[in-house]
Amino acid sequence: MYKKNLIDPDARGFAGLIKKIMEPLNANQEFKEKFKKLKKKFLINASNLNHAAVITINQGNLKVESIPNKPKSNLNKKVIGWDGFLSMDSQIFLALAMNRISILKIVIKWITRKVKIKGILKLLSLLKIFDYIKN
């Protein structure tokens, strides 16, 4: 299956939630100025739900799309071309979003393989983007 057939620009399910949270950043001039040179693609997967979120930052413009996470081959780096990958249960995402779980506990869950992270250094730029959501 080709990438164009997989990615849904309307963002369903979990990806729709991420889209509603992150898309207001496109109106933030400070955000656009800070990330005007960044060109990255991140895949955020809630493993117990049906759709993953593909977050694309291209020269200060942020776009969130959805992709079905079953079969697992849909999430392959060769299919989507992501720079960073984060996969965990939706309950862990929710706890992280509400600051009920620390980064240290996420690291422990990563060691016990409840959280999957690839491209960890590139995901640091995603953490900087999340700081703009909190402000």
N, C-alpha and C. Protein backbone atom coordinates (compact mmCIF):
# COMPACT_ATOMS: atom_id res chain seq x y z
N MET A 1 0.84 -1.18 0.00
CA MET A 1 0.00 0.00 0.00
C MET A 1 0.89 1.24 0.00
N TYR A 2 0.48 2.24 -0.75
CA TYR A 2 1.27 3.45 -0.85
C TYR A 2 0.94 4.43 0.26
N LYS A 3 1.90 5.26 0.56
CA LYS A 3 1.78 6.26 1.62
C LYS A 3 0.59 7.19 1.39
N LYS A 4 0.33 7.59 0.16
CA LYS A 4 -0.77 8.52 -0.13
C LYS A 4 -2.12 7.91 0.23
N ASN A 5 -2.24 6.59 0.12
CA ASN A 5 -3.50 5.93 0.45
C ASN A 5 -3.67 5.77 1.96
N LEU A 6 -2.60 5.76 2.70
CA LEU A 6 -2.66 5.51 4.14
C LEU A 6 -2.99 6.76 4.95
N ILE A 7 -2.34 7.87 4.65
CA ILE A 7 -2.46 9.07 5.47
C ILE A 7 -3.77 9.78 5.18
N ASP A 8 -4.53 10.06 6.24
CA ASP A 8 -5.81 10.74 6.14
C ASP A 8 -5.65 12.16 6.68
N PRO A 9 -5.78 13.19 5.84
CA PRO A 9 -5.58 14.57 6.31
C PRO A 9 -6.66 15.06 7.27
N ASP A 10 -7.78 14.33 7.39
CA ASP A 10 -8.87 14.75 8.28
C ASP A 10 -8.61 14.40 9.74
N ALA A 11 -7.62 13.63 10.05
CA ALA A 11 -7.21 13.26 11.41
C ALA A 11 -8.36 12.68 12.22
N ARG A 12 -8.41 11.37 12.30
CA ARG A 12 -9.45 10.66 13.04
C ARG A 12 -8.95 10.20 14.40
N GLY A 13 -9.85 10.01 15.32
CA GLY A 13 -9.56 9.42 16.62
C GLY A 13 -8.49 10.16 17.40
N PHE A 14 -7.47 9.43 17.81
CA PHE A 14 -6.38 9.98 18.61
C PHE A 14 -5.69 11.12 17.86
N ALA A 15 -5.52 10.95 16.56
CA ALA A 15 -4.87 12.01 15.77
C ALA A 15 -5.73 13.27 15.74
N GLY A 16 -7.04 13.12 15.75
CA GLY A 16 -7.92 14.28 15.79
C GLY A 16 -7.77 15.06 17.09
N LEU A 17 -7.58 14.35 18.18
CA LEU A 17 -7.35 15.00 19.48
C LEU A 17 -6.03 15.77 19.46
N ILE A 18 -4.99 15.15 18.95
CA ILE A 18 -3.69 15.82 18.84
C ILE A 18 -3.79 17.04 17.94
N LYS A 19 -4.55 16.93 16.85
CA LYS A 19 -4.72 18.04 15.92
C LYS A 19 -5.40 19.23 16.59
N LYS A 20 -6.44 18.98 17.36
CA LYS A 20 -7.14 20.08 18.03
C LYS A 20 -6.25 20.77 19.05
N ILE A 21 -5.35 20.04 19.66
CA ILE A 21 -4.45 20.61 20.65
C ILE A 21 -3.33 21.41 19.99
N MET A 22 -2.79 20.90 18.87
CA MET A 22 -1.58 21.48 18.30
C MET A 22 -1.79 22.50 17.19
N GLU A 23 -2.89 22.43 16.45
CA GLU A 23 -3.05 23.32 15.31
C GLU A 23 -3.14 24.81 15.65
N PRO A 24 -3.61 25.23 16.83
CA PRO A 24 -3.57 26.66 17.14
C PRO A 24 -2.16 27.26 17.13
N LEU A 25 -1.14 26.42 17.17
CA LEU A 25 0.23 26.93 17.10
C LEU A 25 0.53 27.58 15.76
N ASN A 26 -0.22 27.23 14.72
CA ASN A 26 -0.01 27.84 13.40
C ASN A 26 -0.31 29.34 13.41
N ALA A 27 -1.11 29.80 14.37
CA ALA A 27 -1.43 31.22 14.48
C ALA A 27 -0.44 31.98 15.37
N ASN A 28 0.44 31.27 16.05
CA ASN A 28 1.40 31.86 16.96
C ASN A 28 2.65 32.30 16.19
N GLN A 29 2.87 33.61 16.10
CA GLN A 29 4.01 34.14 15.34
C GLN A 29 5.35 33.78 15.98
N GLU A 30 5.39 33.74 17.30
CA GLU A 30 6.63 33.36 18.00
C GLU A 30 7.02 31.92 17.67
N PHE A 31 6.02 31.04 17.61
CA PHE A 31 6.25 29.64 17.24
C PHE A 31 6.79 29.55 15.81
N LYS A 32 6.15 30.28 14.89
CA LYS A 32 6.58 30.24 13.49
C LYS A 32 8.01 30.75 13.32
N GLU A 33 8.35 31.79 14.08
CA GLU A 33 9.70 32.37 13.99
C GLU A 33 10.74 31.39 14.53
N LYS A 34 10.44 30.74 15.64
CA LYS A 34 11.39 29.83 16.28
C LYS A 34 11.65 28.58 15.43
N PHE A 35 10.59 28.07 14.78
CA PHE A 35 10.71 26.81 14.04
C PHE A 35 10.69 27.00 12.53
N LYS A 36 11.08 28.17 12.05
CA LYS A 36 11.02 28.44 10.61
C LYS A 36 12.03 27.62 9.80
N LYS A 37 13.06 27.10 10.44
CA LYS A 37 14.06 26.30 9.72
C LYS A 37 13.89 24.79 9.94
N LEU A 38 12.94 24.42 10.78
CA LEU A 38 12.75 23.01 11.13
C LEU A 38 11.88 22.30 10.10
N LYS A 39 12.32 21.14 9.69
CA LYS A 39 11.55 20.30 8.77
C LYS A 39 11.65 18.86 9.27
N LYS A 40 10.64 18.44 10.04
CA LYS A 40 10.64 17.11 10.66
C LYS A 40 9.25 16.50 10.59
N LYS A 41 9.23 15.17 10.72
CA LYS A 41 7.98 14.42 10.76
C LYS A 41 8.05 13.44 11.93
N PHE A 42 7.01 13.50 12.78
CA PHE A 42 6.96 12.64 13.96
C PHE A 42 5.73 11.74 13.88
N LEU A 43 5.89 10.52 14.34
CA LEU A 43 4.77 9.58 14.41
C LEU A 43 4.48 9.33 15.88
N ILE A 44 3.25 9.66 16.30
CA ILE A 44 2.82 9.47 17.68
C ILE A 44 1.71 8.42 17.65
N ASN A 45 1.93 7.29 18.32
CA ASN A 45 0.99 6.18 18.26
C ASN A 45 0.46 5.84 19.64
N ALA A 46 -0.85 5.84 19.79
CA ALA A 46 -1.49 5.28 20.99
C ALA A 46 -1.79 3.83 20.64
N SER A 47 -1.03 2.92 21.20
CA SER A 47 -1.03 1.53 20.75
C SER A 47 -2.37 0.82 20.92
N ASN A 48 -3.22 1.26 21.83
CA ASN A 48 -4.49 0.58 22.04
C ASN A 48 -5.64 1.21 21.26
N LEU A 49 -5.37 2.21 20.44
CA LEU A 49 -6.40 2.85 19.62
C LEU A 49 -6.16 2.54 18.14
N ASN A 50 -7.05 3.00 17.26
CA ASN A 50 -7.00 2.59 15.86
C ASN A 50 -6.17 3.48 14.95
N HIS A 51 -5.95 4.74 15.33
CA HIS A 51 -5.23 5.66 14.45
C HIS A 51 -4.06 6.31 15.17
N ALA A 52 -2.97 6.48 14.44
CA ALA A 52 -1.79 7.17 14.96
C ALA A 52 -1.76 8.57 14.35
N ALA A 53 -1.03 9.47 14.98
CA ALA A 53 -0.91 10.85 14.51
C ALA A 53 0.45 11.05 13.84
N VAL A 54 0.42 11.66 12.66
CA VAL A 54 1.64 12.04 11.96
C VAL A 54 1.72 13.56 12.05
N ILE A 55 2.70 14.04 12.81
CA ILE A 55 2.88 15.48 13.01
C ILE A 55 4.02 15.94 12.11
N THR A 56 3.71 16.86 11.20
CA THR A 56 4.70 17.37 10.26
C THR A 56 4.94 18.84 10.54
N ILE A 57 6.19 19.20 10.76
CA ILE A 57 6.57 20.60 10.93
C ILE A 57 7.43 20.95 9.72
N ASN A 58 6.96 21.92 8.95
CA ASN A 58 7.68 22.31 7.74
C ASN A 58 7.78 23.83 7.72
N GLN A 59 8.94 24.35 8.08
CA GLN A 59 9.24 25.78 8.06
C GLN A 59 8.22 26.60 8.85
N GLY A 60 7.95 26.14 10.07
CA GLY A 60 7.07 26.88 10.96
C GLY A 60 5.59 26.55 10.82
N ASN A 61 5.22 25.73 9.86
CA ASN A 61 3.84 25.30 9.69
C ASN A 61 3.67 23.89 10.23
N LEU A 62 2.67 23.71 11.05
CA LEU A 62 2.43 22.43 11.70
C LEU A 62 1.19 21.79 11.08
N LYS A 63 1.29 20.50 10.76
CA LYS A 63 0.17 19.77 10.18
C LYS A 63 0.07 18.43 10.89
N VAL A 64 -1.17 18.04 11.26
CA VAL A 64 -1.40 16.76 11.92
C VAL A 64 -2.36 15.95 11.04
N GLU A 65 -1.95 14.72 10.73
CA GLU A 65 -2.76 13.81 9.93
C GLU A 65 -2.85 12.48 10.65
N SER A 66 -3.77 11.64 10.24
CA SER A 66 -3.90 10.34 10.89
C SER A 66 -3.53 9.23 9.93
N ILE A 67 -3.17 8.10 10.52
CA ILE A 67 -2.84 6.91 9.75
C ILE A 67 -3.29 5.71 10.57
N PRO A 68 -3.92 4.72 9.94
CA PRO A 68 -4.32 3.53 10.70
C PRO A 68 -3.08 2.80 11.23
N ASN A 69 -3.11 2.39 12.48
CA ASN A 69 -1.93 1.75 13.05
C ASN A 69 -1.97 0.22 12.94
N LYS A 70 -2.93 -0.31 12.25
CA LYS A 70 -3.00 -1.74 12.02
C LYS A 70 -3.13 -1.97 10.52
N PRO A 71 -2.33 -2.77 9.89
CA PRO A 71 -1.23 -3.57 10.41
C PRO A 71 -0.03 -2.71 10.79
N LYS A 72 0.87 -3.29 11.56
CA LYS A 72 2.03 -2.54 12.06
C LYS A 72 2.93 -2.04 10.93
N SER A 73 2.83 -2.66 9.77
CA SER A 73 3.66 -2.22 8.63
C SER A 73 3.30 -0.81 8.19
N ASN A 74 2.10 -0.31 8.54
CA ASN A 74 1.71 1.06 8.21
C ASN A 74 2.60 2.08 8.93
N LEU A 75 3.14 1.71 10.08
CA LEU A 75 3.92 2.62 10.90
C LEU A 75 5.41 2.56 10.60
N ASN A 76 5.77 1.81 9.60
CA ASN A 76 7.17 1.61 9.22
C ASN A 76 7.79 2.93 8.74
N LYS A 77 9.05 3.13 9.10
CA LYS A 77 9.75 4.35 8.71
C LYS A 77 9.85 4.48 7.19
N LYS A 78 9.99 3.37 6.49
CA LYS A 78 10.10 3.40 5.04
C LYS A 78 8.78 3.81 4.39
N VAL A 79 7.66 3.53 5.04
CA VAL A 79 6.35 3.86 4.49
C VAL A 79 6.03 5.34 4.70
N ILE A 80 6.23 5.84 5.92
CA ILE A 80 5.83 7.21 6.28
C ILE A 80 6.99 8.19 6.16
N GLY A 81 8.18 7.74 6.52
CA GLY A 81 9.34 8.62 6.48
C GLY A 81 9.47 9.51 7.69
N TRP A 82 9.12 8.99 8.88
CA TRP A 82 9.19 9.79 10.10
C TRP A 82 10.62 9.94 10.58
N ASP A 83 10.84 11.03 11.33
CA ASP A 83 12.14 11.28 11.95
C ASP A 83 12.17 10.78 13.39
N GLY A 84 11.02 10.84 14.07
CA GLY A 84 10.93 10.40 15.46
C GLY A 84 9.65 9.62 15.66
N PHE A 85 9.70 8.59 16.52
CA PHE A 85 8.57 7.70 16.76
C PHE A 85 8.35 7.55 18.25
N LEU A 86 7.10 7.70 18.68
CA LEU A 86 6.73 7.54 20.09
C LEU A 86 5.47 6.72 20.14
N SER A 87 5.51 5.59 20.86
CA SER A 87 4.35 4.71 20.97
C SER A 87 4.17 4.28 22.41
N MET A 88 2.94 4.45 22.90
CA MET A 88 2.58 4.02 24.25
C MET A 88 1.08 3.89 24.34
N ASP A 89 0.60 3.33 25.42
CA ASP A 89 -0.82 3.19 25.68
C ASP A 89 -1.45 4.58 25.85
N SER A 90 -2.71 4.72 25.50
CA SER A 90 -3.38 6.02 25.61
C SER A 90 -3.47 6.50 27.05
N GLN A 91 -3.52 5.59 28.01
CA GLN A 91 -3.56 5.98 29.43
C GLN A 91 -2.26 6.66 29.85
N ILE A 92 -1.15 6.20 29.32
CA ILE A 92 0.14 6.82 29.62
C ILE A 92 0.22 8.20 28.97
N PHE A 93 -0.28 8.32 27.73
CA PHE A 93 -0.34 9.64 27.08
C PHE A 93 -1.16 10.61 27.90
N LEU A 94 -2.31 10.14 28.38
CA LEU A 94 -3.19 10.99 29.16
C LEU A 94 -2.53 11.43 30.47
N ALA A 95 -1.87 10.50 31.14
CA ALA A 95 -1.16 10.83 32.38
C ALA A 95 -0.03 11.82 32.12
N LEU A 96 0.65 11.66 31.00
CA LEU A 96 1.74 12.57 30.64
C LEU A 96 1.20 13.97 30.33
N ALA A 97 0.08 14.03 29.63
CA ALA A 97 -0.51 15.32 29.28
C ALA A 97 -1.01 16.06 30.51
N MET A 98 -1.47 15.33 31.52
CA MET A 98 -1.99 15.96 32.74
C MET A 98 -0.92 16.10 33.82
N ASN A 99 0.34 15.86 33.46
CA ASN A 99 1.48 15.97 34.39
C ASN A 99 1.32 15.06 35.62
N ARG A 100 0.73 13.91 35.43
CA ARG A 100 0.59 12.94 36.52
C ARG A 100 1.68 11.87 36.48
N ILE A 101 2.51 11.96 35.47
CA ILE A 101 3.62 11.03 35.34
C ILE A 101 4.86 11.83 34.96
N SER A 102 5.98 11.50 35.57
CA SER A 102 7.20 12.26 35.32
C SER A 102 7.98 11.65 34.15
N ILE A 103 8.95 12.39 33.67
CA ILE A 103 9.82 11.90 32.61
C ILE A 103 10.61 10.68 33.11
N LEU A 104 10.96 10.67 34.38
CA LEU A 104 11.67 9.53 34.96
C LEU A 104 10.82 8.26 34.87
N LYS A 105 9.54 8.36 35.15
CA LYS A 105 8.66 7.20 35.05
C LYS A 105 8.49 6.76 33.60
N ILE A 106 8.52 7.72 32.67
CA ILE A 106 8.46 7.36 31.24
C ILE A 106 9.71 6.57 30.86
N VAL A 107 10.86 6.99 31.38
CA VAL A 107 12.11 6.27 31.11
C VAL A 107 12.03 4.85 31.67
N ILE A 108 11.47 4.70 32.86
CA ILE A 108 11.31 3.36 33.44
C ILE A 108 10.39 2.51 32.56
N LYS A 109 9.31 3.11 32.06
CA LYS A 109 8.40 2.38 31.18
C LYS A 109 9.08 2.06 29.85
N TRP A 110 10.00 2.91 29.41
CA TRP A 110 10.76 2.64 28.19
C TRP A 110 11.67 1.43 28.41
N ILE A 111 12.30 1.37 29.59
CA ILE A 111 13.18 0.24 29.91
C ILE A 111 12.38 -1.06 29.98
N THR A 112 11.16 -1.00 30.55
CA THR A 112 10.31 -2.19 30.66
C THR A 112 9.51 -2.44 29.38
N ARG A 113 9.75 -1.66 28.35
CA ARG A 113 9.17 -1.80 27.01
C ARG A 113 7.67 -1.56 26.94
N LYS A 114 7.14 -0.74 27.83
CA LYS A 114 5.75 -0.31 27.73
C LYS A 114 5.65 0.93 26.86
N VAL A 115 6.79 1.59 26.66
CA VAL A 115 6.88 2.77 25.80
C VAL A 115 7.96 2.50 24.78
N LYS A 116 7.66 2.80 23.51
CA LYS A 116 8.64 2.62 22.44
C LYS A 116 9.02 3.98 21.90
N ILE A 117 10.32 4.23 21.84
CA ILE A 117 10.84 5.52 21.37
C ILE A 117 11.94 5.24 20.35
N LYS A 118 11.84 5.90 19.20
CA LYS A 118 12.90 5.82 18.19
C LYS A 118 13.18 7.23 17.72
N GLY A 119 14.43 7.54 17.48
CA GLY A 119 14.81 8.89 17.09
C GLY A 119 14.70 9.85 18.26
N ILE A 120 15.25 9.43 19.39
CA ILE A 120 15.05 10.17 20.65
C ILE A 120 15.61 11.58 20.59
N LEU A 121 16.74 11.79 19.92
CA LEU A 121 17.31 13.14 19.83
C LEU A 121 16.44 14.06 18.99
N LYS A 122 15.81 13.52 17.96
CA LYS A 122 14.92 14.33 17.13
C LYS A 122 13.60 14.62 17.85
N LEU A 123 13.21 13.75 18.77
CA LEU A 123 11.99 13.98 19.54
C LEU A 123 12.15 15.14 20.53
N LEU A 124 13.38 15.54 20.81
CA LEU A 124 13.60 16.68 21.70
C LEU A 124 13.01 17.96 21.13
N SER A 125 13.03 18.10 19.80
CA SER A 125 12.41 19.28 19.20
C SER A 125 10.89 19.24 19.37
N LEU A 126 10.31 18.04 19.43
CA LEU A 126 8.87 17.92 19.71
C LEU A 126 8.55 18.37 21.13
N LEU A 127 9.44 18.09 22.07
CA LEU A 127 9.25 18.57 23.44
C LEU A 127 9.26 20.09 23.50
N LYS A 128 10.11 20.72 22.70
CA LYS A 128 10.15 22.19 22.65
C LYS A 128 8.84 22.73 22.09
N ILE A 129 8.26 22.02 21.14
CA ILE A 129 6.97 22.43 20.59
C ILE A 129 5.87 22.31 21.64
N PHE A 130 5.92 21.25 22.44
CA PHE A 130 4.93 21.07 23.50
C PHE A 130 4.99 22.20 24.53
N ASP A 131 6.17 22.79 24.71
CA ASP A 131 6.30 23.93 25.63
C ASP A 131 5.45 25.12 25.16
N TYR A 132 5.32 25.28 23.85
CA TYR A 132 4.50 26.37 23.31
C TYR A 132 3.01 26.13 23.55
N ILE A 133 2.62 24.89 23.65
CA ILE A 133 1.21 24.57 23.94
C ILE A 133 0.85 24.96 25.35
N LYS A 134 1.78 24.75 26.28
CA LYS A 134 1.53 25.07 27.69
C LYS A 134 1.44 26.58 27.91
N ASN A 135 2.12 27.39 27.09
CA ASN A 135 2.12 28.85 27.28
C ASN A 135 0.89 29.50 26.76
